[in-house]
Amino acid sequence: MAAFEQALRLDPNHTPSHYNKSRTFRDLKRYEEALAAFEQALRLDPNDVNVFISRGNTSYIRGDYKEALAAFERAIHLNPSHAIAHYSRGVALRALKRYEEALAAFEQVLRLDPNLSYAHYNKGLALCALKRYEEALAAFEQVLRLDPRDRNAHYNKDLILHALERYKEALAPYENAISLDPHNANVYINKGIPSTTSNTTRRR
């Protein structure tokens, strides 16, 4: 922080120093000061996409999803091909429970960059919220093709298989989730649910 302050004393209009100062405030959880610094950076350069995205991320962390969405949409207006801006917009829309719009945003991200595993993951979450479980399953499987060690994707894939009553298929992925996150009690509990249900089904 001191280095940025010194840079601004030498040049009060040095946009990168305002930007990095704001990010430092955010990391320190001094969100109001971070937002004020972002605003100063934008006054100096109102077309800086990265500042809008960082400003939106700060609003998102504070729980102000509408304000975050507005910042991300401004970033997209400035650069329609910015994959991270579209991704961030999708996350904000999902937080606002506008799931269809969030899904469309994540699909746009993947048109721009098909290998962003976290876009596939959030697409899966949006599809789950819409109860489109087969499509959500495909999204999480794509995450695992890109990143086989993504424990959250394993976990959510397992939950969907359980929701679809595909209990035998669910058991093996639970083992994967346990190997990646052996201290997560929920994984063990959820492993037991399909196992018990599957045994009950066989007895019938």
N, C-alpha and C. Protein backbone atom coordinates (compact mmCIF):
# COMPACT_ATOMS: atom_id res chain seq x y z
N MET A 1 0.83 -1.21 0.00
CA MET A 1 0.00 0.00 0.00
C MET A 1 0.87 1.26 0.00
N ALA A 2 1.92 1.25 0.81
CA ALA A 2 2.79 2.43 0.90
C ALA A 2 3.40 2.78 -0.46
N ALA A 3 3.74 1.77 -1.24
CA ALA A 3 4.34 2.02 -2.55
C ALA A 3 3.34 2.72 -3.47
N PHE A 4 2.09 2.29 -3.42
CA PHE A 4 1.08 2.91 -4.27
C PHE A 4 0.81 4.35 -3.82
N GLU A 5 0.79 4.57 -2.52
CA GLU A 5 0.59 5.92 -2.00
C GLU A 5 1.72 6.85 -2.45
N GLN A 6 2.95 6.32 -2.41
CA GLN A 6 4.09 7.12 -2.84
C GLN A 6 4.00 7.44 -4.34
N ALA A 7 3.60 6.46 -5.13
CA ALA A 7 3.44 6.68 -6.57
C ALA A 7 2.40 7.75 -6.84
N LEU A 8 1.32 7.75 -6.05
CA LEU A 8 0.25 8.73 -6.26
C LEU A 8 0.65 10.12 -5.79
N ARG A 9 1.53 10.20 -4.81
CA ARG A 9 2.04 11.51 -4.43
C ARG A 9 2.87 12.12 -5.56
N LEU A 10 3.60 11.25 -6.26
CA LEU A 10 4.41 11.71 -7.38
C LEU A 10 3.56 12.00 -8.61
N ASP A 11 2.51 11.19 -8.79
CA ASP A 11 1.64 11.37 -9.96
C ASP A 11 0.21 11.01 -9.56
N PRO A 12 -0.58 11.98 -9.11
CA PRO A 12 -1.95 11.71 -8.64
C PRO A 12 -2.86 11.11 -9.71
N ASN A 13 -2.46 11.20 -10.97
CA ASN A 13 -3.29 10.68 -12.05
C ASN A 13 -2.78 9.36 -12.60
N HIS A 14 -1.98 8.66 -11.81
CA HIS A 14 -1.41 7.39 -12.26
C HIS A 14 -2.45 6.28 -12.04
N THR A 15 -3.16 5.95 -13.11
CA THR A 15 -4.29 5.00 -13.01
C THR A 15 -3.89 3.65 -12.44
N PRO A 16 -2.78 3.04 -12.88
CA PRO A 16 -2.42 1.72 -12.33
C PRO A 16 -2.24 1.74 -10.81
N SER A 17 -1.76 2.84 -10.26
CA SER A 17 -1.59 2.91 -8.81
C SER A 17 -2.93 2.95 -8.10
N HIS A 18 -3.89 3.70 -8.65
CA HIS A 18 -5.24 3.70 -8.08
C HIS A 18 -5.85 2.30 -8.15
N TYR A 19 -5.65 1.65 -9.28
CA TYR A 19 -6.21 0.31 -9.48
C TYR A 19 -5.62 -0.67 -8.46
N ASN A 20 -4.30 -0.68 -8.35
CA ASN A 20 -3.66 -1.62 -7.42
C ASN A 20 -3.94 -1.27 -5.97
N LYS A 21 -4.08 0.02 -5.69
CA LYS A 21 -4.47 0.44 -4.33
C LYS A 21 -5.86 -0.10 -4.00
N SER A 22 -6.77 -0.04 -4.95
CA SER A 22 -8.13 -0.52 -4.71
C SER A 22 -8.14 -2.03 -4.49
N ARG A 23 -7.34 -2.75 -5.25
CA ARG A 23 -7.28 -4.21 -5.07
C ARG A 23 -6.69 -4.55 -3.70
N THR A 24 -5.73 -3.76 -3.26
CA THR A 24 -5.16 -4.00 -1.94
C THR A 24 -6.20 -3.76 -0.85
N PHE A 25 -6.96 -2.67 -0.97
CA PHE A 25 -8.05 -2.42 -0.02
C PHE A 25 -9.02 -3.60 0.01
N ARG A 26 -9.34 -4.11 -1.19
CA ARG A 26 -10.28 -5.23 -1.26
C ARG A 26 -9.72 -6.45 -0.54
N ASP A 27 -8.44 -6.74 -0.78
CA ASP A 27 -7.82 -7.90 -0.13
C ASP A 27 -7.81 -7.74 1.39
N LEU A 28 -7.75 -6.48 1.85
CA LEU A 28 -7.78 -6.20 3.29
C LEU A 28 -9.21 -6.13 3.84
N LYS A 29 -10.20 -6.38 2.95
CA LYS A 29 -11.63 -6.33 3.29
C LYS A 29 -12.08 -4.92 3.68
N ARG A 30 -11.39 -3.94 3.16
CA ARG A 30 -11.79 -2.53 3.37
C ARG A 30 -12.54 -2.10 2.11
N TYR A 31 -13.76 -2.62 2.00
CA TYR A 31 -14.46 -2.58 0.73
C TYR A 31 -14.88 -1.17 0.31
N GLU A 32 -15.31 -0.36 1.26
CA GLU A 32 -15.72 1.00 0.90
C GLU A 32 -14.54 1.79 0.33
N GLU A 33 -13.39 1.63 0.94
CA GLU A 33 -12.20 2.31 0.44
C GLU A 33 -11.78 1.75 -0.92
N ALA A 34 -11.96 0.44 -1.09
CA ALA A 34 -11.65 -0.17 -2.39
C ALA A 34 -12.54 0.40 -3.48
N LEU A 35 -13.83 0.51 -3.20
CA LEU A 35 -14.75 1.04 -4.20
C LEU A 35 -14.43 2.49 -4.55
N ALA A 36 -14.07 3.28 -3.54
CA ALA A 36 -13.71 4.68 -3.79
C ALA A 36 -12.47 4.77 -4.68
N ALA A 37 -11.50 3.87 -4.44
CA ALA A 37 -10.29 3.88 -5.26
C ALA A 37 -10.59 3.42 -6.68
N PHE A 38 -11.48 2.44 -6.84
CA PHE A 38 -11.89 2.02 -8.18
C PHE A 38 -12.56 3.19 -8.92
N GLU A 39 -13.40 3.92 -8.21
CA GLU A 39 -14.08 5.07 -8.84
C GLU A 39 -13.07 6.10 -9.32
N GLN A 40 -12.03 6.33 -8.52
CA GLN A 40 -10.99 7.27 -8.93
C GLN A 40 -10.28 6.77 -10.18
N ALA A 41 -9.99 5.49 -10.21
CA ALA A 41 -9.33 4.92 -11.40
C ALA A 41 -10.21 5.08 -12.63
N LEU A 42 -11.53 4.91 -12.46
CA LEU A 42 -12.44 5.03 -13.60
C LEU A 42 -12.62 6.48 -14.03
N ARG A 43 -12.49 7.40 -13.10
CA ARG A 43 -12.55 8.81 -13.51
C ARG A 43 -11.37 9.15 -14.42
N LEU A 44 -10.24 8.52 -14.15
CA LEU A 44 -9.04 8.77 -14.95
C LEU A 44 -9.08 8.00 -16.27
N ASP A 45 -9.67 6.81 -16.25
CA ASP A 45 -9.78 6.01 -17.47
C ASP A 45 -11.11 5.27 -17.45
N PRO A 46 -12.16 5.88 -17.98
CA PRO A 46 -13.51 5.30 -17.92
C PRO A 46 -13.72 4.12 -18.86
N ASN A 47 -12.70 3.74 -19.60
CA ASN A 47 -12.82 2.62 -20.54
C ASN A 47 -11.95 1.42 -20.16
N ASP A 48 -11.54 1.37 -18.90
CA ASP A 48 -10.67 0.28 -18.46
C ASP A 48 -11.54 -0.91 -18.03
N VAL A 49 -11.56 -1.94 -18.87
CA VAL A 49 -12.40 -3.12 -18.62
C VAL A 49 -12.02 -3.80 -17.32
N ASN A 50 -10.72 -3.94 -17.06
CA ASN A 50 -10.28 -4.67 -15.86
C ASN A 50 -10.69 -3.95 -14.58
N VAL A 51 -10.74 -2.63 -14.60
CA VAL A 51 -11.18 -1.90 -13.42
C VAL A 51 -12.66 -2.17 -13.17
N PHE A 52 -13.47 -2.18 -14.22
CA PHE A 52 -14.90 -2.49 -14.05
C PHE A 52 -15.09 -3.90 -13.49
N ILE A 53 -14.31 -4.85 -14.00
CA ILE A 53 -14.44 -6.22 -13.51
C ILE A 53 -14.04 -6.30 -12.03
N SER A 54 -12.93 -5.67 -11.68
CA SER A 54 -12.50 -5.69 -10.27
C SER A 54 -13.49 -4.97 -9.37
N ARG A 55 -14.05 -3.87 -9.88
CA ARG A 55 -15.07 -3.16 -9.11
C ARG A 55 -16.28 -4.06 -8.90
N GLY A 56 -16.68 -4.75 -9.96
CA GLY A 56 -17.80 -5.67 -9.84
C GLY A 56 -17.52 -6.80 -8.86
N ASN A 57 -16.30 -7.32 -8.89
CA ASN A 57 -15.94 -8.39 -7.95
C ASN A 57 -16.03 -7.91 -6.51
N THR A 58 -15.63 -6.66 -6.28
CA THR A 58 -15.70 -6.10 -4.92
C THR A 58 -17.16 -5.97 -4.47
N SER A 59 -18.01 -5.47 -5.36
CA SER A 59 -19.44 -5.38 -5.03
C SER A 59 -20.03 -6.76 -4.77
N TYR A 60 -19.59 -7.74 -5.57
CA TYR A 60 -20.09 -9.12 -5.38
C TYR A 60 -19.70 -9.64 -4.00
N ILE A 61 -18.45 -9.44 -3.62
CA ILE A 61 -17.99 -9.90 -2.30
C ILE A 61 -18.82 -9.27 -1.19
N ARG A 62 -19.21 -8.01 -1.37
CA ARG A 62 -20.03 -7.31 -0.37
C ARG A 62 -21.48 -7.79 -0.38
N GLY A 63 -21.85 -8.61 -1.36
CA GLY A 63 -23.22 -9.08 -1.46
C GLY A 63 -24.14 -8.18 -2.24
N ASP A 64 -23.57 -7.18 -2.91
CA ASP A 64 -24.37 -6.27 -3.73
C ASP A 64 -24.33 -6.78 -5.17
N TYR A 65 -25.16 -7.77 -5.44
CA TYR A 65 -25.10 -8.47 -6.72
C TYR A 65 -25.60 -7.60 -7.88
N LYS A 66 -26.56 -6.74 -7.62
CA LYS A 66 -27.05 -5.87 -8.70
C LYS A 66 -25.98 -4.87 -9.12
N GLU A 67 -25.30 -4.32 -8.15
CA GLU A 67 -24.23 -3.38 -8.47
C GLU A 67 -23.09 -4.09 -9.20
N ALA A 68 -22.79 -5.32 -8.76
CA ALA A 68 -21.77 -6.12 -9.43
C ALA A 68 -22.17 -6.38 -10.87
N LEU A 69 -23.42 -6.76 -11.08
CA LEU A 69 -23.91 -7.04 -12.43
C LEU A 69 -23.75 -5.82 -13.33
N ALA A 70 -24.09 -4.66 -12.81
CA ALA A 70 -23.97 -3.43 -13.61
C ALA A 70 -22.52 -3.20 -14.03
N ALA A 71 -21.58 -3.45 -13.14
CA ALA A 71 -20.16 -3.26 -13.47
C ALA A 71 -19.71 -4.26 -14.53
N PHE A 72 -20.14 -5.51 -14.40
CA PHE A 72 -19.74 -6.52 -15.38
C PHE A 72 -20.36 -6.21 -16.76
N GLU A 73 -21.59 -5.74 -16.76
CA GLU A 73 -22.23 -5.41 -18.04
C GLU A 73 -21.56 -4.21 -18.70
N ARG A 74 -21.07 -3.28 -17.89
CA ARG A 74 -20.32 -2.16 -18.46
C ARG A 74 -19.02 -2.67 -19.09
N ALA A 75 -18.37 -3.62 -18.44
CA ALA A 75 -17.15 -4.20 -18.99
C ALA A 75 -17.42 -4.89 -20.33
N ILE A 76 -18.54 -5.61 -20.41
CA ILE A 76 -18.91 -6.29 -21.65
C ILE A 76 -19.22 -5.28 -22.75
N HIS A 77 -19.87 -4.19 -22.37
CA HIS A 77 -20.14 -3.13 -23.34
C HIS A 77 -18.84 -2.60 -23.96
N LEU A 78 -17.81 -2.49 -23.12
CA LEU A 78 -16.52 -1.99 -23.60
C LEU A 78 -15.76 -3.04 -24.40
N ASN A 79 -15.93 -4.31 -24.04
CA ASN A 79 -15.22 -5.38 -24.74
C ASN A 79 -16.13 -6.62 -24.79
N PRO A 80 -16.95 -6.75 -25.83
CA PRO A 80 -17.91 -7.86 -25.92
C PRO A 80 -17.26 -9.24 -25.99
N SER A 81 -15.97 -9.31 -26.26
CA SER A 81 -15.30 -10.60 -26.38
C SER A 81 -14.50 -10.98 -25.13
N HIS A 82 -14.73 -10.27 -24.05
CA HIS A 82 -13.98 -10.51 -22.81
C HIS A 82 -14.65 -11.66 -22.04
N ALA A 83 -14.03 -12.84 -22.11
CA ALA A 83 -14.65 -14.04 -21.52
C ALA A 83 -14.88 -13.90 -20.02
N ILE A 84 -13.92 -13.31 -19.30
CA ILE A 84 -14.04 -13.21 -17.85
C ILE A 84 -15.18 -12.25 -17.48
N ALA A 85 -15.39 -11.22 -18.27
CA ALA A 85 -16.50 -10.31 -18.00
C ALA A 85 -17.83 -11.04 -18.14
N HIS A 86 -17.96 -11.85 -19.18
CA HIS A 86 -19.19 -12.64 -19.35
C HIS A 86 -19.34 -13.66 -18.22
N TYR A 87 -18.24 -14.29 -17.84
CA TYR A 87 -18.28 -15.25 -16.74
C TYR A 87 -18.74 -14.58 -15.44
N SER A 88 -18.14 -13.44 -15.15
CA SER A 88 -18.50 -12.72 -13.92
C SER A 88 -19.96 -12.29 -13.94
N ARG A 89 -20.43 -11.88 -15.11
CA ARG A 89 -21.85 -11.53 -15.25
C ARG A 89 -22.73 -12.76 -14.94
N GLY A 90 -22.33 -13.91 -15.44
CA GLY A 90 -23.09 -15.13 -15.17
C GLY A 90 -23.16 -15.46 -13.70
N VAL A 91 -22.03 -15.29 -13.00
CA VAL A 91 -22.00 -15.57 -11.56
C VAL A 91 -22.94 -14.63 -10.81
N ALA A 92 -22.92 -13.35 -11.21
CA ALA A 92 -23.82 -12.38 -10.56
C ALA A 92 -25.28 -12.72 -10.84
N LEU A 93 -25.59 -13.10 -12.06
CA LEU A 93 -26.97 -13.47 -12.40
C LEU A 93 -27.41 -14.71 -11.62
N ARG A 94 -26.50 -15.66 -11.45
CA ARG A 94 -26.86 -16.86 -10.68
C ARG A 94 -27.11 -16.49 -9.22
N ALA A 95 -26.31 -15.56 -8.68
CA ALA A 95 -26.53 -15.11 -7.31
C ALA A 95 -27.88 -14.41 -7.16
N LEU A 96 -28.33 -13.77 -8.23
CA LEU A 96 -29.64 -13.10 -8.24
C LEU A 96 -30.78 -14.06 -8.58
N LYS A 97 -30.44 -15.34 -8.76
CA LYS A 97 -31.41 -16.40 -9.09
C LYS A 97 -32.07 -16.19 -10.46
N ARG A 98 -31.35 -15.52 -11.33
CA ARG A 98 -31.82 -15.34 -12.71
C ARG A 98 -31.11 -16.41 -13.55
N TYR A 99 -31.57 -17.66 -13.36
CA TYR A 99 -30.81 -18.81 -13.81
C TYR A 99 -30.76 -18.95 -15.33
N GLU A 100 -31.84 -18.65 -16.02
CA GLU A 100 -31.83 -18.75 -17.48
C GLU A 100 -30.81 -17.77 -18.07
N GLU A 101 -30.78 -16.56 -17.55
CA GLU A 101 -29.83 -15.57 -18.03
C GLU A 101 -28.40 -15.96 -17.66
N ALA A 102 -28.23 -16.53 -16.48
CA ALA A 102 -26.91 -16.99 -16.07
C ALA A 102 -26.41 -18.09 -17.00
N LEU A 103 -27.30 -19.01 -17.32
CA LEU A 103 -26.94 -20.10 -18.23
C LEU A 103 -26.50 -19.54 -19.58
N ALA A 104 -27.25 -18.59 -20.10
CA ALA A 104 -26.89 -17.98 -21.39
C ALA A 104 -25.52 -17.30 -21.31
N ALA A 105 -25.24 -16.68 -20.17
CA ALA A 105 -23.94 -16.01 -19.99
C ALA A 105 -22.80 -17.03 -20.00
N PHE A 106 -22.98 -18.16 -19.30
CA PHE A 106 -21.92 -19.17 -19.26
C PHE A 106 -21.74 -19.82 -20.63
N GLU A 107 -22.82 -19.98 -21.37
CA GLU A 107 -22.69 -20.53 -22.72
C GLU A 107 -21.93 -19.57 -23.63
N GLN A 108 -22.14 -18.26 -23.42
CA GLN A 108 -21.37 -17.28 -24.18
C GLN A 108 -19.89 -17.35 -23.82
N VAL A 109 -19.59 -17.52 -22.56
CA VAL A 109 -18.19 -17.68 -22.13
C VAL A 109 -17.56 -18.84 -22.88
N LEU A 110 -18.28 -19.95 -22.94
CA LEU A 110 -17.72 -21.16 -23.54
C LEU A 110 -17.61 -21.07 -25.05
N ARG A 111 -18.41 -20.21 -25.66
CA ARG A 111 -18.19 -19.94 -27.08
C ARG A 111 -16.88 -19.17 -27.28
N LEU A 112 -16.55 -18.32 -26.32
CA LEU A 112 -15.32 -17.55 -26.40
C LEU A 112 -14.10 -18.38 -26.00
N ASP A 113 -14.27 -19.25 -25.02
CA ASP A 113 -13.17 -20.08 -24.54
C ASP A 113 -13.73 -21.40 -24.04
N PRO A 114 -13.77 -22.43 -24.89
CA PRO A 114 -14.40 -23.71 -24.53
C PRO A 114 -13.69 -24.46 -23.42
N ASN A 115 -12.48 -24.07 -23.05
CA ASN A 115 -11.71 -24.84 -22.08
C ASN A 115 -11.68 -24.22 -20.68
N LEU A 116 -12.55 -23.26 -20.43
CA LEU A 116 -12.63 -22.70 -19.08
C LEU A 116 -13.45 -23.64 -18.20
N SER A 117 -12.76 -24.44 -17.41
CA SER A 117 -13.45 -25.46 -16.62
C SER A 117 -14.45 -24.84 -15.65
N TYR A 118 -14.11 -23.69 -15.06
CA TYR A 118 -15.02 -23.09 -14.09
C TYR A 118 -16.27 -22.53 -14.75
N ALA A 119 -16.23 -22.25 -16.05
CA ALA A 119 -17.45 -21.85 -16.76
C ALA A 119 -18.36 -23.06 -16.95
N HIS A 120 -17.77 -24.21 -17.29
CA HIS A 120 -18.57 -25.44 -17.37
C HIS A 120 -19.18 -25.76 -16.01
N TYR A 121 -18.39 -25.56 -14.95
CA TYR A 121 -18.88 -25.86 -13.60
C TYR A 121 -20.08 -24.99 -13.24
N ASN A 122 -19.96 -23.70 -13.49
CA ASN A 122 -21.07 -22.80 -13.15
C ASN A 122 -22.26 -23.00 -14.07
N LYS A 123 -22.00 -23.40 -15.31
CA LYS A 123 -23.09 -23.79 -16.19
C LYS A 123 -23.85 -24.96 -15.57
N GLY A 124 -23.11 -25.92 -15.02
CA GLY A 124 -23.75 -27.06 -14.35
C GLY A 124 -24.60 -26.64 -13.17
N LEU A 125 -24.10 -25.68 -12.38
CA LEU A 125 -24.88 -25.20 -11.24
C LEU A 125 -26.17 -24.51 -11.69
N ALA A 126 -26.08 -23.72 -12.78
CA ALA A 126 -27.27 -23.05 -13.29
C ALA A 126 -28.29 -24.08 -13.79
N LEU A 127 -27.79 -25.10 -14.47
CA LEU A 127 -28.69 -26.16 -14.97
C LEU A 127 -29.33 -26.92 -13.81
N CYS A 128 -28.57 -27.15 -12.74
CA CYS A 128 -29.16 -27.80 -11.56
C CYS A 128 -30.29 -26.95 -10.99
N ALA A 129 -30.07 -25.64 -10.91
CA ALA A 129 -31.11 -24.76 -10.38
C ALA A 129 -32.36 -24.80 -11.24
N LEU A 130 -32.18 -25.06 -12.54
CA LEU A 130 -33.32 -25.16 -13.46
C LEU A 130 -33.87 -26.59 -13.53
N LYS A 131 -33.27 -27.49 -12.73
CA LYS A 131 -33.68 -28.91 -12.67
C LYS A 131 -33.50 -29.62 -14.00
N ARG A 132 -32.50 -29.17 -14.75
CA ARG A 132 -32.15 -29.82 -16.01
C ARG A 132 -30.93 -30.71 -15.72
N TYR A 133 -31.22 -31.83 -15.01
CA TYR A 133 -30.15 -32.59 -14.40
C TYR A 133 -29.27 -33.33 -15.40
N GLU A 134 -29.84 -33.86 -16.46
CA GLU A 134 -29.02 -34.58 -17.44
C GLU A 134 -28.00 -33.63 -18.07
N GLU A 135 -28.43 -32.42 -18.39
CA GLU A 135 -27.52 -31.44 -18.97
C GLU A 135 -26.48 -30.99 -17.95
N ALA A 136 -26.91 -30.86 -16.69
CA ALA A 136 -25.97 -30.49 -15.63
C ALA A 136 -24.91 -31.58 -15.47
N LEU A 137 -25.34 -32.82 -15.53
CA LEU A 137 -24.40 -33.94 -15.42
C LEU A 137 -23.35 -33.85 -16.53
N ALA A 138 -23.79 -33.57 -17.74
CA ALA A 138 -22.84 -33.43 -18.86
C ALA A 138 -21.86 -32.29 -18.62
N ALA A 139 -22.35 -31.20 -18.03
CA ALA A 139 -21.47 -30.06 -17.74
C ALA A 139 -20.39 -30.44 -16.72
N PHE A 140 -20.78 -31.14 -15.66
CA PHE A 140 -19.79 -31.53 -14.65
C PHE A 140 -18.83 -32.57 -15.20
N GLU A 141 -19.31 -33.43 -16.08
CA GLU A 141 -18.40 -34.40 -16.70
C GLU A 141 -17.37 -33.69 -17.58
N GLN A 142 -17.79 -32.61 -18.23
CA GLN A 142 -16.84 -31.83 -19.03
C GLN A 142 -15.80 -31.17 -18.12
N VAL A 143 -16.22 -30.69 -16.97
CA VAL A 143 -15.26 -30.14 -16.00
C VAL A 143 -14.20 -31.19 -15.67
N LEU A 144 -14.65 -32.41 -15.43
CA LEU A 144 -13.73 -33.46 -15.02
C LEU A 144 -12.83 -33.93 -16.16
N ARG A 145 -13.28 -33.77 -17.39
CA ARG A 145 -12.37 -34.04 -18.51
C ARG A 145 -11.25 -33.00 -18.55
N LEU A 146 -11.59 -31.77 -18.22
CA LEU A 146 -10.59 -30.70 -18.21
C LEU A 146 -9.74 -30.70 -16.95
N ASP A 147 -10.34 -31.09 -15.83
CA ASP A 147 -9.64 -31.08 -14.54
C ASP A 147 -10.13 -32.26 -13.70
N PRO A 148 -9.52 -33.42 -13.88
CA PRO A 148 -10.00 -34.64 -13.20
C PRO A 148 -9.96 -34.56 -11.67
N ARG A 149 -9.24 -33.60 -11.12
CA ARG A 149 -9.11 -33.51 -9.66
C ARG A 149 -10.04 -32.45 -9.06
N ASP A 150 -10.98 -31.97 -9.84
CA ASP A 150 -11.91 -30.96 -9.32
C ASP A 150 -12.90 -31.65 -8.39
N ARG A 151 -12.67 -31.52 -7.08
CA ARG A 151 -13.49 -32.26 -6.11
C ARG A 151 -14.93 -31.78 -6.09
N ASN A 152 -15.14 -30.47 -6.33
CA ASN A 152 -16.51 -29.97 -6.34
C ASN A 152 -17.30 -30.53 -7.51
N ALA A 153 -16.64 -30.70 -8.65
CA ALA A 153 -17.32 -31.31 -9.80
C ALA A 153 -17.66 -32.76 -9.51
N HIS A 154 -16.73 -33.50 -8.89
CA HIS A 154 -17.03 -34.88 -8.48
C HIS A 154 -18.24 -34.91 -7.55
N TYR A 155 -18.21 -34.04 -6.57
CA TYR A 155 -19.27 -34.02 -5.56
C TYR A 155 -20.63 -33.72 -6.20
N ASN A 156 -20.67 -32.71 -7.07
CA ASN A 156 -21.94 -32.35 -7.69
C ASN A 156 -22.40 -33.39 -8.70
N LYS A 157 -21.46 -34.01 -9.39
CA LYS A 157 -21.83 -35.11 -10.28
C LYS A 157 -22.50 -36.23 -9.48
N ASP A 158 -21.94 -36.53 -8.33
CA ASP A 158 -22.50 -37.58 -7.48
C ASP A 158 -23.92 -37.23 -7.02
N LEU A 159 -24.11 -35.98 -6.63
CA LEU A 159 -25.44 -35.55 -6.18
C LEU A 159 -26.47 -35.68 -7.30
N ILE A 160 -26.06 -35.34 -8.52
CA ILE A 160 -27.00 -35.44 -9.64
C ILE A 160 -27.34 -36.89 -9.93
N LEU A 161 -26.34 -37.76 -9.93
CA LEU A 161 -26.61 -39.18 -10.16
C LEU A 161 -27.58 -39.71 -9.11
N HIS A 162 -27.43 -39.24 -7.89
CA HIS A 162 -28.36 -39.64 -6.84
C HIS A 162 -29.76 -39.10 -7.12
N ALA A 163 -29.85 -37.83 -7.54
CA ALA A 163 -31.15 -37.24 -7.85
C ALA A 163 -31.84 -37.97 -9.00
N LEU A 164 -31.02 -38.50 -9.92
CA LEU A 164 -31.56 -39.24 -11.06
C LEU A 164 -31.80 -40.71 -10.74
N GLU A 165 -31.53 -41.09 -9.47
CA GLU A 165 -31.70 -42.45 -8.99
C GLU A 165 -30.81 -43.44 -9.71
N ARG A 166 -29.64 -42.95 -10.14
CA ARG A 166 -28.64 -43.82 -10.77
C ARG A 166 -27.60 -44.16 -9.70
N TYR A 167 -28.06 -44.95 -8.70
CA TYR A 167 -27.31 -45.13 -7.48
C TYR A 167 -25.99 -45.88 -7.68
N LYS A 168 -26.01 -46.90 -8.50
CA LYS A 168 -24.78 -47.67 -8.70
C LYS A 168 -23.71 -46.81 -9.33
N GLU A 169 -24.10 -45.96 -10.27
CA GLU A 169 -23.13 -45.06 -10.90
C GLU A 169 -22.60 -44.04 -9.90
N ALA A 170 -23.40 -43.71 -8.91
CA ALA A 170 -22.99 -42.68 -7.97
C ALA A 170 -21.90 -43.16 -7.02
N LEU A 171 -21.83 -44.46 -6.74
CA LEU A 171 -20.90 -44.94 -5.73
C LEU A 171 -19.44 -44.69 -6.11
N ALA A 172 -19.07 -44.98 -7.35
CA ALA A 172 -17.66 -44.79 -7.76
C ALA A 172 -17.24 -43.33 -7.71
N PRO A 173 -18.04 -42.40 -8.22
CA PRO A 173 -17.64 -40.99 -8.10
C PRO A 173 -17.53 -40.50 -6.66
N TYR A 174 -18.35 -41.06 -5.75
CA TYR A 174 -18.19 -40.67 -4.34
C TYR A 174 -16.81 -41.05 -3.84
N GLU A 175 -16.31 -42.21 -4.29
CA GLU A 175 -14.97 -42.62 -3.89
C GLU A 175 -13.94 -41.60 -4.39
N ASN A 176 -14.14 -41.09 -5.61
CA ASN A 176 -13.24 -40.07 -6.13
C ASN A 176 -13.30 -38.81 -5.26
N ALA A 177 -14.51 -38.41 -4.88
CA ALA A 177 -14.66 -37.22 -4.05
C ALA A 177 -13.99 -37.41 -2.70
N ILE A 178 -14.11 -38.62 -2.13
CA ILE A 178 -13.48 -38.90 -0.84
C ILE A 178 -11.96 -38.84 -0.95
N SER A 179 -11.42 -39.40 -2.04
CA SER A 179 -9.95 -39.39 -2.19
C SER A 179 -9.42 -37.97 -2.33
N LEU A 180 -10.23 -37.07 -2.91
CA LEU A 180 -9.80 -35.69 -3.11
C LEU A 180 -10.07 -34.82 -1.89
N ASP A 181 -11.07 -35.21 -1.08
CA ASP A 181 -11.45 -34.40 0.08
C ASP A 181 -11.84 -35.33 1.23
N PRO A 182 -10.84 -36.04 1.81
CA PRO A 182 -11.14 -37.09 2.79
C PRO A 182 -11.70 -36.57 4.11
N HIS A 183 -11.66 -35.28 4.36
CA HIS A 183 -12.14 -34.74 5.64
C HIS A 183 -13.51 -34.08 5.52
N ASN A 184 -14.16 -34.25 4.39
CA ASN A 184 -15.48 -33.67 4.18
C ASN A 184 -16.55 -34.68 4.60
N ALA A 185 -17.20 -34.43 5.73
CA ALA A 185 -18.19 -35.38 6.26
C ALA A 185 -19.36 -35.57 5.31
N ASN A 186 -19.74 -34.51 4.60
CA ASN A 186 -20.89 -34.61 3.70
C ASN A 186 -20.67 -35.65 2.62
N VAL A 187 -19.42 -35.79 2.16
CA VAL A 187 -19.15 -36.77 1.12
C VAL A 187 -19.44 -38.17 1.62
N TYR A 188 -19.04 -38.47 2.86
CA TYR A 188 -19.30 -39.80 3.41
C TYR A 188 -20.79 -40.04 3.60
N ILE A 189 -21.49 -39.01 4.08
CA ILE A 189 -22.93 -39.14 4.28
C ILE A 189 -23.63 -39.42 2.96
N ASN A 190 -23.27 -38.63 1.94
CA ASN A 190 -23.92 -38.80 0.65
C ASN A 190 -23.55 -40.11 -0.03
N LYS A 191 -22.34 -40.60 0.28
CA LYS A 191 -21.98 -41.92 -0.24
C LYS A 191 -22.90 -42.98 0.34
N GLY A 192 -23.24 -42.85 1.63
CA GLY A 192 -24.09 -43.84 2.27
C GLY A 192 -25.51 -43.83 1.77
N ILE A 193 -26.01 -42.67 1.35
CA ILE A 193 -27.40 -42.58 0.91
C ILE A 193 -27.68 -43.44 -0.31
N PRO A 194 -26.92 -43.29 -1.42
CA PRO A 194 -27.21 -44.14 -2.56
C PRO A 194 -26.94 -45.60 -2.30
N SER A 195 -25.92 -45.88 -1.44
CA SER A 195 -25.62 -47.27 -1.12
C SER A 195 -26.79 -47.93 -0.42
N THR A 196 -27.36 -47.24 0.59
CA THR A 196 -28.50 -47.77 1.31
C THR A 196 -29.71 -47.91 0.41
N THR A 197 -29.97 -46.88 -0.39
CA THR A 197 -31.13 -46.91 -1.27
C THR A 197 -30.99 -48.00 -2.30
N SER A 198 -29.76 -48.18 -2.83
CA SER A 198 -29.54 -49.19 -3.83
C SER A 198 -29.78 -50.58 -3.26
N ASN A 199 -29.31 -50.81 -2.00
CA ASN A 199 -29.53 -52.10 -1.36
C ASN A 199 -31.02 -52.36 -1.16
N THR A 200 -31.72 -51.32 -0.75
CA THR A 200 -33.17 -51.45 -0.54
C THR A 200 -33.85 -51.83 -1.85
N THR A 201 -33.44 -51.20 -2.93
CA THR A 201 -34.04 -51.47 -4.22
C THR A 201 -33.80 -52.92 -4.62
N ARG A 202 -32.60 -53.43 -4.35
CA ARG A 202 -32.31 -54.82 -4.72
C ARG A 202 -33.16 -55.77 -3.91
N ARG A 203 -33.41 -55.47 -2.64
CA ARG A 203 -34.23 -56.37 -1.82
C ARG A 203 -35.65 -56.40 -2.34
N ARG A 204 -36.14 -55.34 -2.90
CA ARG A 204 -37.49 -55.35 -3.45
C ARG A 204 -37.54 -56.19 -4.72
